Structures are given as C-alpha cells and as structure tokens.
Amino acid sequence: MKTLLIYKSIHHGNTEKIAKVMANSLEAELMDLKNYQTNLIDEYDLIGFGSGIYFNKPHKKLIKFIDDLNDVKGKKAFVFTTSGRGTIGYNDLLINKLSHKGFKIIGDFSCKGFDTWGPFKLIGGLNKGKPDEEDLKNVKKFAESLNGEIE
C-alpha cells in the first residue's frame, strides 16, 4: 500500500516531528504542504493530513488545500494534529471536510505540542518538550494500528 503524509508545521516543528515518526512506521512518503505537486494524491492508497492548530483550527493552507481537492471515491485517509491543548476535537473539521470529498477516514491522532502563542510567550510557552518520548510512542502505536486498516 502506497502511503503519503501531507502536513503543515510552522512554529516549533511539533507536527513535523510526529509526521516523521508516522512516516517511518508506515513506510510512507512525507511531504510538507509547501512542496505539494498537483494531483499527487491520485498515486497513493492512503493519505495522512496533518497540521498544527492555529486559533483553534488547522492551518488555513491545509484547509484550502482540502477544499480545492477533487472528489475521491473511498480513498483511505487519516488526520493528525498538534496543539497547545492536544484536544482531539480539533481534528473534526479536517475529518468532515475529507469525508465530504469522499475519503474514508480510518483514524485520527492528536497530542500536545510546545506552544508560544499570544500570552503564553510571556511565560516561556506551554508544554515545553512536547511532543515528548511518550507522545512519540503513542504516535508510533497509532501508525501501527493503521496497518490493520490498510491491508
């Protein structure tokens, strides 16, 4: 099964860090959204979509990217995010948008990431060291759980 992870990670590299662990576990190609090439999704059986959370939403460029995608029929996908809160509810917007495009969502993952947004910068940020080793173990476990879904 050919797998691609597309992500947007800008401030502290939190999302990129977990994307690399997932890509390694899934033997997937990893692509920063800024390097995406048109219609590349057609070449893959499973696509992961990841983002940091900014103002309670995934990055606006990832949202636009998904909005601009052609409809697919039953292609498998999963979602992953990092945020100051680590709330999995942040994944809902991406899941809904992808489902409306015809993707079959087989899982989602979320964890805390180092956050220096707004007033948190004044106190040195929240979640220093996140995602940490425990988070990365959980990422790997999540990715390995997808293997049963993609065969």
Protein backbone atom coordinates (compact mmCIF):
# COMPACT_ATOMS: atom_id res chain seq x y z
CA MET A 1 0.00 0.00 0.00
CA LYS A 2 1.42 3.35 -1.05
CA THR A 3 1.08 6.00 1.66
CA LEU A 4 1.62 9.76 1.69
CA LEU A 5 1.61 12.15 4.65
CA ILE A 6 0.90 15.79 3.83
CA TYR A 7 1.41 18.23 6.69
CA LYS A 8 1.74 21.89 7.64
CA SER A 9 4.05 22.63 10.56
CA ILE A 10 5.40 26.14 11.05
CA HIS A 11 6.24 27.43 14.52
CA HIS A 12 8.08 24.81 16.51
CA GLY A 13 8.01 21.77 14.21
CA ASN A 14 5.65 19.83 16.52
CA THR A 15 3.53 18.41 13.70
CA GLU A 16 6.55 17.63 11.54
CA LYS A 17 8.07 15.71 14.45
CA ILE A 18 5.08 13.37 14.76
CA ALA A 19 4.69 13.16 10.95
CA LYS A 20 8.25 11.80 10.69
CA VAL A 21 7.51 9.06 13.24
CA MET A 22 4.31 8.13 11.40
CA ALA A 23 6.05 8.12 8.02
CA ASN A 24 8.76 5.83 9.37
CA SER A 25 6.23 3.42 10.91
CA LEU A 26 4.06 3.36 7.77
CA GLU A 27 6.97 3.39 5.30
CA ALA A 28 5.27 6.46 3.85
CA GLU A 29 6.42 9.42 1.85
CA LEU A 30 6.39 12.67 3.78
CA MET A 31 5.55 15.98 2.16
CA ASP A 32 5.38 19.47 3.61
CA LEU A 33 2.33 21.13 2.07
CA LYS A 34 4.53 23.89 0.62
CA ASN A 35 6.19 21.27 -1.62
CA TYR A 36 2.99 19.59 -2.81
CA GLN A 37 2.66 18.79 -6.50
CA THR A 38 -0.69 18.81 -8.30
CA ASN A 39 -2.69 15.56 -8.42
CA LEU A 40 -0.08 13.61 -6.45
CA ILE A 41 -2.84 12.19 -4.24
CA ASP A 42 -4.05 10.01 -7.11
CA GLU A 43 -0.86 7.93 -6.83
CA TYR A 44 -1.47 6.88 -3.20
CA ASP A 45 -3.79 4.42 -1.47
CA LEU A 46 -3.66 6.10 1.96
CA ILE A 47 -3.13 9.77 2.75
CA GLY A 48 -2.48 11.34 6.13
CA PHE A 49 -3.32 15.01 6.60
CA GLY A 50 -1.61 16.84 9.48
CA SER A 51 -1.42 20.32 10.91
CA GLY A 52 -0.64 22.36 13.94
CA ILE A 53 -3.65 24.16 15.39
CA TYR A 54 -3.79 27.94 14.97
CA PHE A 55 -6.60 29.99 16.50
CA ASN A 56 -8.49 26.73 17.25
CA LYS A 57 -8.31 25.47 13.65
CA PRO A 58 -5.89 23.56 11.43
CA HIS A 59 -3.65 25.76 9.31
CA LYS A 60 -5.65 27.73 6.74
CA LYS A 61 -3.46 26.50 3.87
CA LEU A 62 -4.29 22.87 4.68
CA ILE A 63 -8.00 23.71 4.87
CA LYS A 64 -7.82 25.44 1.48
CA PHE A 65 -5.83 22.56 0.04
CA ILE A 66 -8.53 20.08 1.09
CA ASP A 67 -11.29 22.40 -0.18
CA ASP A 68 -9.55 22.52 -3.58
CA LEU A 69 -9.13 18.74 -3.89
CA ASN A 70 -11.18 16.85 -6.44
CA ASP A 71 -13.69 14.41 -5.02
CA VAL A 72 -12.41 10.87 -4.49
CA LYS A 73 -14.29 7.66 -4.02
CA GLY A 74 -13.42 5.63 -0.95
CA LYS A 75 -9.73 6.56 -0.78
CA LYS A 76 -8.49 5.98 2.77
CA ALA A 77 -7.22 8.86 4.91
CA PHE A 78 -6.34 9.80 8.46
CA VAL A 79 -5.82 13.06 10.30
CA PHE A 80 -3.23 14.19 12.86
CA THR A 81 -2.75 17.45 14.76
CA THR A 82 -0.67 19.05 17.49
CA SER A 83 -1.77 21.93 19.68
CA GLY A 84 -1.26 23.64 23.00
CA ARG A 85 -4.28 21.77 24.34
CA GLY A 86 -3.86 18.50 22.48
CA THR A 87 -7.63 18.19 22.12
CA ILE A 88 -8.67 15.59 19.59
CA GLY A 89 -11.80 17.64 18.80
CA TYR A 90 -9.59 19.87 16.68
CA ASN A 91 -9.50 17.05 14.12
CA ASP A 92 -13.23 17.22 13.45
CA LEU A 93 -13.03 20.00 10.84
CA LEU A 94 -10.48 18.07 8.76
CA ILE A 95 -12.40 14.80 9.17
CA ASN A 96 -15.64 16.43 8.00
CA LYS A 97 -14.03 18.14 5.01
CA LEU A 98 -12.24 14.97 3.91
CA SER A 99 -15.37 12.86 4.36
CA HIS A 100 -17.32 15.28 2.16
CA LYS A 101 -14.64 14.85 -0.51
CA GLY A 102 -15.23 11.07 -0.45
CA PHE A 103 -12.35 9.93 1.76
CA LYS A 104 -12.90 7.04 4.15
CA ILE A 105 -11.39 8.20 7.45
CA ILE A 106 -9.66 5.30 9.21
CA GLY A 107 -8.30 7.16 12.23
CA ASP A 108 -7.12 10.36 13.81
CA PHE A 109 -4.44 11.36 16.28
CA SER A 110 -3.79 14.44 18.38
CA CYS A 111 -1.24 15.38 21.00
CA LYS A 112 0.11 18.41 22.79
CA GLY A 113 2.88 20.46 21.27
CA PHE A 114 5.09 23.28 22.50
CA ASP A 115 3.01 26.47 22.27
CA THR A 116 4.17 30.09 22.49
CA TRP A 117 1.06 31.74 21.06
CA GLY A 118 -0.01 35.13 22.47
CA PRO A 119 0.30 35.48 26.23
CA PHE A 120 1.95 32.06 26.59
CA LYS A 121 5.07 33.57 25.03
CA LEU A 122 5.41 35.86 28.05
CA ILE A 123 5.76 32.89 30.38
CA GLY A 124 8.09 30.91 28.10
CA GLY A 125 5.34 28.87 26.46
CA LEU A 126 3.25 25.85 27.35
CA ASN A 127 4.12 22.18 27.05
CA LYS A 128 7.88 22.58 26.87
CA GLY A 129 9.45 19.46 25.41
CA LYS A 130 6.21 18.33 23.76
CA PRO A 131 5.72 16.19 21.85
CA ASP A 132 7.91 14.11 24.14
CA GLU A 133 9.08 10.48 24.05
CA GLU A 134 5.75 9.24 25.43
CA ASP A 135 3.86 11.16 22.72
CA LEU A 136 6.15 9.70 20.06
CA LYS A 137 5.50 6.17 21.38
CA ASN A 138 1.77 6.89 21.11
CA VAL A 139 2.24 8.20 17.55
CA LYS A 140 4.06 5.02 16.61
CA LYS A 141 1.33 2.89 18.19
CA PHE A 142 -1.33 4.87 16.30
CA ALA A 143 0.52 4.42 12.99
CA GLU A 144 0.94 0.71 13.61
CA SER A 145 -2.81 0.44 14.31
CA LEU A 146 -3.45 1.83 10.82
CA ASN A 147 -1.63 -1.10 9.25
CA GLY A 148 -4.59 -3.35 10.05
CA GLU A 149 -6.92 -0.87 8.33
CA ILE A 150 -4.92 -0.56 5.13
CA GLU A 151 -4.40 -4.18 4.16
